[in-house]
C-alpha atoms as a PDB file:
ATOM      1  CA  UNK A   1       8.057 -46.776  37.935  1.00  0.00           C
ATOM      2  CA  UNK A   2       8.333 -44.070  40.469  1.00  0.00           C
ATOM      3  CA  UNK A   3       6.708 -40.503  40.782  1.00  0.00           C
ATOM      4  CA  UNK A   4       9.528 -37.919  41.126  1.00  0.00           C
ATOM      5  CA  UNK A   5       9.160 -34.305  41.612  1.00  0.00           C
ATOM      6  CA  UNK A   6      12.010 -31.589  40.993  1.00  0.00           C
ATOM      7  CA  UNK A   7      11.582 -28.387  43.013  1.00  0.00           C
ATOM      8  CA  UNK A   8      13.525 -26.168  40.447  1.00  0.00           C
ATOM      9  CA  UNK A   9      14.623 -22.579  40.105  1.00  0.00           C
ATOM     10  CA  UNK A  10      12.241 -19.947  38.648  1.00  0.00           C
ATOM     11  CA  UNK A  11      14.583 -19.224  35.898  1.00  0.00           C
ATOM     12  CA  UNK A  12      14.811 -22.814  34.733  1.00  0.00           C
ATOM     13  CA  UNK A  13      11.009 -22.764  34.656  1.00  0.00           C
ATOM     14  CA  UNK A  14      10.455 -19.719  32.836  1.00  0.00           C
ATOM     15  CA  UNK A  15      12.973 -20.718  30.114  1.00  0.00           C
ATOM     16  CA  UNK A  16      12.431 -24.473  30.120  1.00  0.00           C
ATOM     17  CA  UNK A  17      13.895 -25.870  27.104  1.00  0.00           C
ATOM     18  CA  UNK A  18      16.667 -27.071  29.399  1.00  0.00           C
ATOM     19  CA  UNK A  19      20.271 -26.246  29.107  1.00  0.00           C
ATOM     20  CA  UNK A  20      22.594 -29.102  29.333  1.00  0.00           C
ATOM     21  CA  UNK A  21      25.047 -27.170  31.566  1.00  0.00           C
ATOM     22  CA  UNK A  22      22.083 -27.460  34.262  1.00  0.00           C
ATOM     23  CA  UNK A  23      22.462 -30.440  36.567  1.00  0.00           C
ATOM     24  CA  UNK A  24      18.523 -30.666  36.743  1.00  0.00           C
ATOM     25  CA  UNK A  25      18.533 -31.558  33.117  1.00  0.00           C
ATOM     26  CA  UNK A  26      20.790 -34.548  33.542  1.00  0.00           C
ATOM     27  CA  UNK A  27      18.921 -35.953  36.514  1.00  0.00           C
ATOM     28  CA  UNK A  28      15.624 -35.510  35.043  1.00  0.00           C
ATOM     29  CA  UNK A  29      16.812 -36.843  31.714  1.00  0.00           C
ATOM     30  CA  UNK A  30      18.168 -39.916  33.466  1.00  0.00           C
ATOM     31  CA  UNK A  31      14.786 -40.474  35.487  1.00  0.00           C
ATOM     32  CA  UNK A  32      12.920 -40.255  32.551  1.00  0.00           C
ATOM     33  CA  UNK A  33      14.953 -42.698  30.570  1.00  0.00           C
ATOM     34  CA  UNK A  34      14.148 -45.163  33.336  1.00  0.00           C
ATOM     35  CA  UNK A  35      10.452 -44.752  32.615  1.00  0.00           C
ATOM     36  CA  UNK A  36       9.403 -42.799  35.758  1.00  0.00           C
ATOM     37  CA  UNK A  37       6.980 -40.202  35.913  1.00  0.00           C
ATOM     38  CA  UNK A  38       8.709 -36.904  36.544  1.00  0.00           C
ATOM     39  CA  UNK A  39       7.144 -33.644  37.576  1.00  0.00           C
ATOM     40  CA  UNK A  40       8.478 -29.848  38.173  1.00  0.00           C
ATOM     41  CA  UNK A  41       7.400 -27.268  40.282  1.00  0.00           C
ATOM     42  CA  UNK A  42       8.555 -24.005  41.977  1.00  0.00           C
ATOM     43  CA  UNK A  43       8.882 -22.903  45.683  1.00  0.00           C
ATOM     44  CA  UNK A  44       5.827 -20.560  45.493  1.00  0.00           C
ATOM     45  CA  UNK A  45       3.708 -23.515  44.276  1.00  0.00           C
ATOM     46  CA  UNK A  46       4.029 -25.675  47.273  1.00  0.00           C
ATOM     47  CA  UNK A  47       1.091 -25.152  49.625  1.00  0.00           C
ATOM     48  CA  UNK A  48      -0.545 -26.578  52.566  1.00  0.00           C
ATOM     49  CA  UNK A  49      -4.199 -27.687  53.164  1.00  0.00           C
ATOM     50  CA  UNK A  50      -5.216 -29.097  56.530  1.00  0.00           C
ATOM     51  CA  UNK A  51      -1.771 -29.618  57.449  1.00  0.00           C
ATOM     52  CA  UNK A  52      -1.117 -31.762  54.161  1.00  0.00           C
ATOM     53  CA  UNK A  53       1.606 -30.723  51.802  1.00  0.00           C
ATOM     54  CA  UNK A  54       0.536 -30.324  48.064  1.00  0.00           C
ATOM     55  CA  UNK A  55       2.126 -28.584  44.820  1.00  0.00           C
ATOM     56  CA  UNK A  56       0.922 -27.362  41.666  1.00  0.00           C
ATOM     57  CA  UNK A  57       3.013 -29.224  39.090  1.00  0.00           C
ATOM     58  CA  UNK A  58       3.620 -29.918  35.426  1.00  0.00           C
ATOM     59  CA  UNK A  59       4.671 -33.290  34.063  1.00  0.00           C
ATOM     60  CA  UNK A  60       7.635 -33.506  31.972  1.00  0.00           C
ATOM     61  CA  UNK A  61       8.786 -35.530  28.916  1.00  0.00           C
ATOM     62  CA  UNK A  62      11.469 -35.991  26.358  1.00  0.00           C
ATOM     63  CA  UNK A  63      11.282 -34.506  22.804  1.00  0.00           C
ATOM     64  CA  UNK A  64      13.997 -34.199  20.294  1.00  0.00           C
ATOM     65  CA  UNK A  65      16.954 -34.639  22.631  1.00  0.00           C
ATOM     66  CA  UNK A  66      15.290 -32.155  25.023  1.00  0.00           C
ATOM     67  CA  UNK A  67      13.121 -31.890  28.150  1.00  0.00           C
ATOM     68  CA  UNK A  68       9.819 -30.140  27.886  1.00  0.00           C
ATOM     69  CA  UNK A  69       6.520 -29.962  30.164  1.00  0.00           C
ATOM     70  CA  UNK A  70       3.042 -30.283  29.657  1.00  0.00           C
ATOM     71  CA  UNK A  71       1.278 -27.020  29.945  1.00  0.00           C
ATOM     72  CA  UNK A  72      -1.530 -28.437  32.293  1.00  0.00           C
ATOM     73  CA  UNK A  73      -1.173 -27.969  35.838  1.00  0.00           C
ATOM     74  CA  UNK A  74      -1.890 -30.551  38.285  1.00  0.00           C
ATOM     75  CA  UNK A  75      -2.397 -30.434  42.126  1.00  0.00           C
ATOM     76  CA  UNK A  76      -0.612 -33.287  43.706  1.00  0.00           C
ATOM     77  CA  UNK A  77      -0.173 -34.119  47.327  1.00  0.00           C
ATOM     78  CA  UNK A  78       3.481 -34.238  48.182  1.00  0.00           C
ATOM     79  CA  UNK A  79       3.144 -37.669  49.653  1.00  0.00           C
ATOM     80  CA  UNK A  80       2.012 -39.095  46.501  1.00  0.00           C
ATOM     81  CA  UNK A  81       5.582 -38.747  45.159  1.00  0.00           C
ATOM     82  CA  UNK A  82       8.238 -41.603  46.025  1.00  0.00           C
ATOM     83  CA  UNK A  83      11.202 -38.884  45.793  1.00  0.00           C
ATOM     84  CA  UNK A  84      11.415 -34.993  45.858  1.00  0.00           C
ATOM     85  CA  UNK A  85      14.336 -33.232  44.849  1.00  0.00           C
ATOM     86  CA  UNK A  86      14.392 -29.538  46.340  1.00  0.00           C
ATOM     87  CA  UNK A  87      16.899 -27.533  44.061  1.00  0.00           C
ATOM     88  CA  UNK A  88      16.042 -23.943  43.885  1.00  0.00           C
ATOM     89  CA  UNK A  89      18.789 -21.855  43.767  1.00  0.00           C
ATOM     90  CA  UNK A  90      19.846 -19.496  46.437  1.00  0.00           C
ATOM     91  CA  UNK A  91      19.378 -16.625  47.722  1.00  0.00           C
ATOM     92  CA  UNK A  92      18.054 -18.428  50.660  1.00  0.00           C
ATOM     93  CA  UNK A  93      15.661 -15.958  51.808  1.00  0.00           C
ATOM     94  CA  UNK A  94      12.204 -15.805  53.461  1.00  0.00           C
ATOM     95  CA  UNK A  95      10.593 -17.462  50.386  1.00  0.00           C
ATOM     96  CA  UNK A  96      13.295 -20.222  50.267  1.00  0.00           C
ATOM     97  CA  UNK A  97      12.766 -20.886  54.036  1.00  0.00           C
ATOM     98  CA  UNK A  98       9.054 -20.917  53.788  1.00  0.00           C
ATOM     99  CA  UNK A  99       9.098 -23.667  50.769  1.00  0.00           C
ATOM    100  CA  UNK A 100      11.397 -25.685  53.228  1.00  0.00           C
ATOM    101  CA  UNK A 101       8.872 -25.269  56.101  1.00  0.00           C
ATOM    102  CA  UNK A 102       6.085 -26.792  53.893  1.00  0.00           C
ATOM    103  CA  UNK A 103       8.235 -29.454  52.732  1.00  0.00           C
ATOM    104  CA  UNK A 104       8.541 -30.652  56.399  1.00  0.00           C
ATOM    105  CA  UNK A 105       5.005 -31.408  56.595  1.00  0.00           C
ATOM    106  CA  UNK A 106       5.784 -34.424  54.182  1.00  0.00           C
ATOM    107  CA  UNK A 107       5.814 -37.868  55.832  1.00  0.00           C
ATOM    108  CA  UNK A 108       9.422 -39.072  55.216  1.00  0.00           C
ATOM    109  CA  UNK A 109       8.566 -42.796  55.769  1.00  0.00           C
ATOM    110  CA  UNK A 110       6.591 -42.440  52.480  1.00  0.00           C
ATOM    111  CA  UNK A 111       8.414 -39.970  50.396  1.00  0.00           C
ATOM    112  CA  UNK A 112      12.242 -39.279  50.275  1.00  0.00           C
ATOM    113  CA  UNK A 113      13.445 -35.429  50.039  1.00  0.00           C
ATOM    114  CA  UNK A 114      16.916 -34.569  48.896  1.00  0.00           C
ATOM    115  CA  UNK A 115      18.210 -32.808  50.769  1.00  0.00           C
ATOM    116  CA  UNK A 116      16.071 -32.626  53.946  1.00  0.00           C
ATOM    117  CA  UNK A 117      14.405 -29.595  54.663  1.00  0.00           C
ATOM    118  CA  UNK A 118      15.824 -29.543  57.963  1.00  0.00           C
ATOM    119  CA  UNK A 119      19.121 -29.019  56.739  1.00  0.00           C
ATOM    120  CA  UNK A 120      18.364 -26.197  54.282  1.00  0.00           C
ATOM    121  CA  UNK A 121      16.879 -24.420  57.217  1.00  0.00           C
ATOM    122  CA  UNK A 122      19.593 -24.986  59.580  1.00  0.00           C
ATOM    123  CA  UNK A 123      22.758 -25.474  57.742  1.00  0.00           C
ATOM    124  CA  UNK A 124      23.790 -22.340  55.896  1.00  0.00           C
ATOM    125  CA  UNK A 125      26.098 -23.387  53.063  1.00  0.00           C
ATOM    126  CA  UNK A 126      28.874 -20.804  54.051  1.00  0.00           C
ATOM    127  CA  UNK A 127      28.662 -21.415  57.905  1.00  0.00           C
ATOM    128  CA  UNK A 128      28.379 -25.283  57.595  1.00  0.00           C
ATOM    129  CA  UNK A 129      32.024 -25.543  56.827  1.00  0.00           C
ATOM    130  CA  UNK A 130      32.566 -24.675  60.454  1.00  0.00           C
ATOM    131  CA  UNK A 131      31.272 -27.935  61.590  1.00  0.00           C
ATOM    132  CA  UNK A 132      34.505 -29.587  60.020  1.00  0.00           C
ATOM    133  CA  UNK A 133      37.119 -27.966  61.931  1.00  0.00           C
ATOM    134  CA  UNK A 134      40.652 -28.974  60.547  1.00  0.00           C
ATOM    135  CA  UNK A 135      39.460 -29.201  57.152  1.00  0.00           C
ATOM    136  CA  UNK A 136      38.721 -25.620  56.270  1.00  0.00           C
ATOM    137  CA  UNK A 137      40.627 -22.244  56.313  1.00  0.00           C
ATOM    138  CA  UNK A 138      40.562 -20.081  59.192  1.00  0.00           C
ATOM    139  CA  UNK A 139      37.565 -17.620  59.208  1.00  0.00           C
ATOM    140  CA  UNK A 140      35.353 -15.371  61.314  1.00  0.00           C
ATOM    141  CA  UNK A 141      31.631 -14.292  60.646  1.00  0.00           C
ATOM    142  CA  UNK A 142      30.722 -10.998  61.568  1.00  0.00           C
ATOM    143  CA  UNK A 143      29.245  -7.635  60.869  1.00  0.00           C
ATOM    144  CA  UNK A 144      31.471  -5.628  63.022  1.00  0.00           C
ATOM    145  CA  UNK A 145      34.004  -3.233  61.537  1.00  0.00           C
ATOM    146  CA  UNK A 146      36.802  -3.665  64.250  1.00  0.00           C
ATOM    147  CA  UNK A 147      36.474  -7.509  64.093  1.00  0.00           C
ATOM    148  CA  UNK A 148      36.738  -7.766  60.400  1.00  0.00           C
ATOM    149  CA  UNK A 149      39.688  -5.242  60.081  1.00  0.00           C
ATOM    150  CA  UNK A 150      41.506  -7.024  62.808  1.00  0.00           C
ATOM    151  CA  UNK A 151      41.277 -10.180  60.767  1.00  0.00           C
ATOM    152  CA  UNK A 152      42.158  -8.436  57.620  1.00  0.00           C
ATOM    153  CA  UNK A 153      45.315  -7.040  59.099  1.00  0.00           C
ATOM    154  CA  UNK A 154      46.170 -10.074  60.714  1.00  0.00           C
ATOM    155  CA  UNK A 155      45.855 -12.300  57.470  1.00  0.00           C
ATOM    156  CA  UNK A 156      46.776  -9.438  54.983  1.00  0.00           C
ATOM    157  CA  UNK A 157      44.677 -10.940  52.270  1.00  0.00           C
ATOM    158  CA  UNK A 158      41.027 -12.143  52.795  1.00  0.00           C
ATOM    159  CA  UNK A 159      37.879 -13.224  50.920  1.00  0.00           C
ATOM    160  CA  UNK A 160      34.676 -11.803  52.129  1.00  0.00           C
ATOM    161  CA  UNK A 161      31.396 -13.750  51.300  1.00  0.00           C
ATOM    162  CA  UNK A 162      27.683 -13.196  51.809  1.00  0.00           C
ATOM    163  CA  UNK A 163      26.021 -15.909  53.683  1.00  0.00           C
ATOM    164  CA  UNK A 164      23.020 -16.516  51.485  1.00  0.00           C
ATOM    165  CA  UNK A 165      24.088 -16.204  47.833  1.00  0.00           C
ATOM    166  CA  UNK A 166      25.600 -18.233  45.280  1.00  0.00           C
ATOM    167  CA  UNK A 167      27.832 -18.395  42.109  1.00  0.00           C
ATOM    168  CA  UNK A 168      30.514 -15.891  43.647  1.00  0.00           C
ATOM    169  CA  UNK A 169      27.690 -12.961  43.785  1.00  0.00           C
ATOM    170  CA  UNK A 170      28.868 -10.645  46.286  1.00  0.00           C
ATOM    171  CA  UNK A 171      32.177 -12.126  46.923  1.00  0.00           C
ATOM    172  CA  UNK A 172      35.203  -9.639  47.453  1.00  0.00           C
ATOM    173  CA  UNK A 173      38.910 -10.108  47.667  1.00  0.00           C
ATOM    174  CA  UNK A 174      40.528  -7.481  49.979  1.00  0.00           C
ATOM    175  CA  UNK A 175      44.096  -6.947  51.074  1.00  0.00           C
ATOM    176  CA  UNK A 176      45.437  -4.704  53.831  1.00  0.00           C
ATOM    177  CA  UNK A 177      47.021  -2.184  51.359  1.00  0.00           C
ATOM    178  CA  UNK A 178      43.883  -1.592  49.318  1.00  0.00           C
ATOM    179  CA  UNK A 179      42.808   2.046  49.193  1.00  0.00           C
ATOM    180  CA  UNK A 180      39.039   1.139  49.354  1.00  0.00           C
ATOM    181  CA  UNK A 181      38.871  -1.051  52.455  1.00  0.00           C
ATOM    182  CA  UNK A 182      36.258   1.020  54.160  1.00  0.00           C
ATOM    183  CA  UNK A 183      34.139   1.066  51.047  1.00  0.00           C
ATOM    184  CA  UNK A 184      34.255  -2.725  50.299  1.00  0.00           C
ATOM    185  CA  UNK A 185      33.327  -3.318  53.781  1.00  0.00           C
ATOM    186  CA  UNK A 186      30.609  -1.126  54.118  1.00  0.00           C
ATOM    187  CA  UNK A 187      29.247  -2.486  50.944  1.00  0.00           C
ATOM    188  CA  UNK A 188      29.688  -6.257  51.768  1.00  0.00           C
ATOM    189  CA  UNK A 189      28.096  -5.865  55.299  1.00  0.00           C
ATOM    190  CA  UNK A 190      25.315  -3.463  54.303  1.00  0.00           C
ATOM    191  CA  UNK A 191      26.948  -0.688  56.432  1.00  0.00           C
ATOM    192  CA  UNK A 192      27.992  -3.177  59.257  1.00  0.00           C
ATOM    193  CA  UNK A 193      24.370  -4.563  59.826  1.00  0.00           C
ATOM    194  CA  UNK A 194      24.708  -7.842  57.811  1.00  0.00           C
ATOM    195  CA  UNK A 195      26.909 -10.687  58.908  1.00  0.00           C
ATOM    196  CA  UNK A 196      29.394 -12.005  56.360  1.00  0.00           C
ATOM    197  CA  UNK A 197      32.016 -14.830  56.289  1.00  0.00           C
ATOM    198  CA  UNK A 198      35.544 -13.626  56.204  1.00  0.00           C
ATOM    199  CA  UNK A 199      38.095 -16.356  55.148  1.00  0.00           C
ATOM    200  CA  UNK A 200      41.894 -16.075  54.897  1.00  0.00           C
ATOM    201  CA  UNK A 201      42.891 -15.916  51.353  1.00  0.00           C
ATOM    202  CA  UNK A 202      44.291 -19.191  49.883  1.00  0.00           C
ATOM    203  CA  UNK A 203      47.036 -18.497  47.312  1.00  0.00           C
ATOM    204  CA  UNK A 204      46.486 -21.819  45.429  1.00  0.00           C
ATOM    205  CA  UNK A 205      43.036 -20.182  44.280  1.00  0.00           C
ATOM    206  CA  UNK A 206      45.016 -19.024  40.960  1.00  0.00           C
ATOM    207  CA  UNK A 207      44.897 -22.868  40.036  1.00  0.00           C
ATOM    208  CA  UNK A 208      41.013 -22.747  40.765  1.00  0.00           C
ATOM    209  CA  UNK A 209      38.938 -24.700  43.262  1.00  0.00           C
ATOM    210  CA  UNK A 210      37.838 -28.186  42.700  1.00  0.00           C
ATOM    211  CA  UNK A 211      34.248 -29.151  42.938  1.00  0.00           C
ATOM    212  CA  UNK A 212      33.974 -32.459  44.877  1.00  0.00           C
ATOM    213  CA  UNK A 213      30.739 -34.352  44.075  1.00  0.00           C
ATOM    214  CA  UNK A 214      29.145 -36.052  47.304  1.00  0.00           C
ATOM    215  CA  UNK A 215      26.194 -38.318  46.601  1.00  0.00           C
ATOM    216  CA  UNK A 216      24.592 -40.468  49.349  1.00  0.00           C
ATOM    217  CA  UNK A 217      27.907 -41.116  51.253  1.00  0.00           C
ATOM    218  CA  UNK A 218      30.276 -41.325  48.441  1.00  0.00           C
ATOM    219  CA  UNK A 219      32.781 -38.547  46.800  1.00  0.00           C
ATOM    220  CA  UNK A 220      33.670 -39.263  43.395  1.00  0.00           C
ATOM    221  CA  UNK A 221      36.937 -39.321  41.845  1.00  0.00           C
ATOM    222  CA  UNK A 222      35.206 -37.458  38.658  1.00  0.00           C
ATOM    223  CA  UNK A 223      35.730 -33.775  39.287  1.00  0.00           C
ATOM    224  CA  UNK A 224      36.629 -30.457  37.822  1.00  0.00           C
ATOM    225  CA  UNK A 225      38.717 -27.331  38.499  1.00  0.00           C
ATOM    226  CA  UNK A 226      36.476 -24.145  38.300  1.00  0.00           C
ATOM    227  CA  UNK A 227      38.985 -21.514  37.046  1.00  0.00           C
ATOM    228  CA  UNK A 228      38.782 -17.676  37.346  1.00  0.00           C
ATOM    229  CA  UNK A 229      38.347 -15.439  34.322  1.00  0.00           C
ATOM    230  CA  UNK A 230      41.128 -13.051  33.328  1.00  0.00           C
ATOM    231  CA  UNK A 231      39.513 -10.197  34.888  1.00  0.00           C
ATOM    232  CA  UNK A 232      38.361 -11.781  38.244  1.00  0.00           C
ATOM    233  CA  UNK A 233      39.715 -13.723  41.060  1.00  0.00           C
ATOM    234  CA  UNK A 234      36.864 -16.150  41.247  1.00  0.00           C
ATOM    235  CA  UNK A 235      35.021 -18.453  39.050  1.00  0.00           C
ATOM    236  CA  UNK A 236      31.790 -16.888  37.789  1.00  0.00           C
ATOM    237  CA  UNK A 237      31.493 -18.056  34.204  1.00  0.00           C
ATOM    238  CA  UNK A 238      30.070 -21.603  33.476  1.00  0.00           C
ATOM    239  CA  UNK A 239      31.939 -22.511  30.098  1.00  0.00           C
ATOM    240  CA  UNK A 240      34.607 -24.879  28.655  1.00  0.00           C
ATOM    241  CA  UNK A 241      37.428 -22.309  29.196  1.00  0.00           C
ATOM    242  CA  UNK A 242      36.668 -22.232  32.970  1.00  0.00           C
ATOM    243  CA  UNK A 243      36.209 -25.644  33.966  1.00  0.00           C
ATOM    244  CA  UNK A 244      39.431 -27.851  33.636  1.00  0.00           C
ATOM    245  CA  UNK A 245      40.164 -31.463  34.223  1.00  0.00           C
ATOM    246  CA  UNK A 246      40.990 -32.372  37.925  1.00  0.00           C
ATOM    247  CA  UNK A 247      42.020 -35.123  39.916  1.00  0.00           C
ATOM    248  CA  UNK A 248      41.533 -35.732  43.817  1.00  0.00           C
ATOM    249  CA  UNK A 249      44.529 -35.774  45.849  1.00  0.00           C
ATOM    250  CA  UNK A 250      45.352 -38.360  48.532  1.00  0.00           C
ATOM    251  CA  UNK A 251      44.280 -35.729  51.220  1.00  0.00           C
ATOM    252  CA  UNK A 252      41.064 -34.685  49.318  1.00  0.00           C
ATOM    253  CA  UNK A 253      39.992 -38.546  48.873  1.00  0.00           C
ATOM    254  CA  UNK A 254      40.073 -38.721  52.927  1.00  0.00           C
ATOM    255  CA  UNK A 255      37.379 -35.814  53.043  1.00  0.00           C
ATOM    256  CA  UNK A 256      34.805 -38.464  52.359  1.00  0.00           C
ATOM    257  CA  UNK A 257      35.387 -40.372  55.601  1.00  0.00           C
ATOM    258  CA  UNK A 258      35.582 -37.132  57.670  1.00  0.00           C
ATOM    259  CA  UNK A 259      32.268 -35.637  56.393  1.00  0.00           C
ATOM    260  CA  UNK A 260      29.813 -38.454  55.373  1.00  0.00           C
ATOM    261  CA  UNK A 261      28.760 -39.417  58.922  1.00  0.00           C
ATOM    262  CA  UNK A 262      27.851 -35.705  59.624  1.00  0.00           C
ATOM    263  CA  UNK A 263      26.079 -35.462  56.350  1.00  0.00           C
ATOM    264  CA  UNK A 264      24.038 -38.366  56.947  1.00  0.00           C
ATOM    265  CA  UNK A 265      22.951 -37.493  60.513  1.00  0.00           C
ATOM    266  CA  UNK A 266      21.911 -33.885  59.025  1.00  0.00           C
ATOM    267  CA  UNK A 267      20.125 -35.208  55.946  1.00  0.00           C
ATOM    268  CA  UNK A 268      22.623 -34.051  53.624  1.00  0.00           C
ATOM    269  CA  UNK A 269      22.436 -36.508  50.697  1.00  0.00           C
ATOM    270  CA  UNK A 270      23.572 -34.462  47.844  1.00  0.00           C
ATOM    271  CA  UNK A 271      26.377 -31.703  48.132  1.00  0.00           C
ATOM    272  CA  UNK A 272      29.173 -29.987  46.132  1.00  0.00           C
ATOM    273  CA  UNK A 273      32.369 -29.352  48.180  1.00  0.00           C
ATOM    274  CA  UNK A 274      34.469 -26.418  46.980  1.00  0.00           C
ATOM    275  CA  UNK A 275      38.007 -27.175  47.882  1.00  0.00           C
ATOM    276  CA  UNK A 276      41.435 -25.095  47.421  1.00  0.00           C
ATOM    277  CA  UNK A 277      44.766 -26.718  48.640  1.00  0.00           C
ATOM    278  CA  UNK A 278      42.807 -29.528  50.514  1.00  0.00           C
ATOM    279  CA  UNK A 279      40.704 -27.247  52.335  1.00  0.00           C
ATOM    280  CA  UNK A 280      36.810 -26.766  52.386  1.00  0.00           C
ATOM    281  CA  UNK A 281      35.925 -23.428  51.673  1.00  0.00           C
ATOM    282  CA  UNK A 282      32.160 -24.043  50.933  1.00  0.00           C
ATOM    283  CA  UNK A 283      29.638 -26.911  51.131  1.00  0.00           C
ATOM    284  CA  UNK A 284      26.744 -26.567  48.400  1.00  0.00           C
ATOM    285  CA  UNK A 285      23.669 -28.212  49.701  1.00  0.00           C
ATOM    286  CA  UNK A 286      20.761 -26.242  48.113  1.00  0.00           C
ATOM    287  CA  UNK A 287      21.223 -26.980  44.549  1.00  0.00           C
ATOM    288  CA  UNK A 288      24.868 -28.251  44.056  1.00  0.00           C
ATOM    289  CA  UNK A 289      25.931 -28.156  40.471  1.00  0.00           C
ATOM    290  CA  UNK A 290      27.678 -31.407  39.589  1.00  0.00           C
ATOM    291  CA  UNK A 291      29.059 -30.209  36.190  1.00  0.00           C
ATOM    292  CA  UNK A 292      27.576 -33.469  34.551  1.00  0.00           C
ATOM    293  CA  UNK A 293      27.938 -32.207  30.904  1.00  0.00           C
ATOM    294  CA  UNK A 294      31.736 -31.285  31.490  1.00  0.00           C
ATOM    295  CA  UNK A 295      32.555 -34.449  33.100  1.00  0.00           C
ATOM    296  CA  UNK A 296      31.029 -36.491  30.582  1.00  0.00           C
ATOM    297  CA  UNK A 297      33.063 -35.014  27.871  1.00  0.00           C
ATOM    298  CA  UNK A 298      36.261 -34.945  29.995  1.00  0.00           C
ATOM    299  CA  UNK A 299      36.090 -38.416  31.437  1.00  0.00           C
ATOM    300  CA  UNK A 300      34.087 -40.213  28.623  1.00  0.00           C
ATOM    301  CA  UNK A 301      31.529 -41.314  30.969  1.00  0.00           C
ATOM    302  CA  UNK A 302      27.613 -40.853  31.618  1.00  0.00           C
ATOM    303  CA  UNK A 303      27.781 -39.500  35.032  1.00  0.00           C
ATOM    304  CA  UNK A 304      24.134 -39.111  35.377  1.00  0.00           C
ATOM    305  CA  UNK A 305      23.687 -42.808  35.179  1.00  0.00           C
ATOM    306  CA  UNK A 306      26.272 -43.199  38.183  1.00  0.00           C
ATOM    307  CA  UNK A 307      24.699 -40.531  40.151  1.00  0.00           C
ATOM    308  CA  UNK A 308      21.185 -41.859  39.792  1.00  0.00           C
ATOM    309  CA  UNK A 309      22.330 -45.216  40.366  1.00  0.00           C
ATOM    310  CA  UNK A 310      23.799 -44.335  43.405  1.00  0.00           C
ATOM    311  CA  UNK A 311      20.702 -42.191  44.755  1.00  0.00           C
ATOM    312  CA  UNK A 312      18.396 -45.136  43.926  1.00  0.00           C
ATOM    313  CA  UNK A 313      20.584 -47.755  45.613  1.00  0.00           C
ATOM    314  CA  UNK A 314      20.587 -45.587  48.752  1.00  0.00           C
ATOM    315  CA  UNK A 315      16.967 -44.772  48.988  1.00  0.00           C
ATOM    316  CA  UNK A 316      16.046 -48.395  48.556  1.00  0.00           C
ATOM    317  CA  UNK A 317      18.042 -49.275  51.371  1.00  0.00           C
ATOM    318  CA  UNK A 318      16.619 -46.449  53.405  1.00  0.00           C
ATOM    319  CA  UNK A 319      12.951 -47.429  52.496  1.00  0.00           C
ATOM    320  CA  UNK A 320      13.806 -51.005  53.396  1.00  0.00           C
ATOM    321  CA  UNK A 321      14.753 -50.000  56.737  1.00  0.00           C
ATOM    322  CA  UNK A 322      18.524 -50.954  56.254  1.00  0.00           C
ATOM    323  CA  UNK A 323      19.629 -47.579  57.309  1.00  0.00           C
ATOM    324  CA  UNK A 324      17.847 -45.695  60.172  1.00  0.00           C
ATOM    325  CA  UNK A 325      15.694 -42.428  59.271  1.00  0.00           C
ATOM    326  CA  UNK A 326      17.283 -39.207  60.248  1.00  0.00           C
END
């Protein structure tokens, strides 16, 4: 029996009768099924005392096919947990970074943290793709009007993304014939003060982007395509109509071998890679959604069991010293 802590998102805690569309539901559910003690906390409930990291937490339990928590707050030293899952949603703002700093005080020889707080601090989800040249679309990162416009008129069609948000928030499509170029660019860059990622537009986005699920060195064959709604160019509604069965191509299967050593070195154990036409457009490492509910229904499996089996096998190897600590 292990003690497991999930640092979850504020909105998940506020409305805690967990939704089965949430990845944390399935991971917590499976850890409870294995008779572990599971607790939840929030970013702002992590704290330091005499350089020792603690949290204010609630123990969770199963009831009527749901997960609930005991409304009694416990102060627990973070190193009293065997595993900590750090999974709040972006934006990766000052509060997010401060929480990661507190987690950096945890003794990793005693407690395993997924993902390593160092990776959260240093590996921006949008910028991280640039460490995998040859696997990504051409892009620039800038707040400069001239530089962005030069890229736009060269590529004709671009995608503009904020660096610290998620789920399509603040993402724009722009073509060189648009009558609102200046308005869109000033909005996206906060009047040319805030850097954004600008990627070349990949036409295959009309078929959706695939979410490749990476867990502790492995990319699984089980995946979904995230399809845009009728009135948008991007996926931004999590429902059965926008998530479709997908298969990995031969090219996509090779991505695992090209990323896993780097992920291992960086302490990235759980990731969701968004891929269009074989190119990685984003690497989600903060709270990657694994679409477990949909994958279970599409492939007739219990994906949460497969994922937790892989995590536990990997952590057991690490704690036994079979793999060198990062």
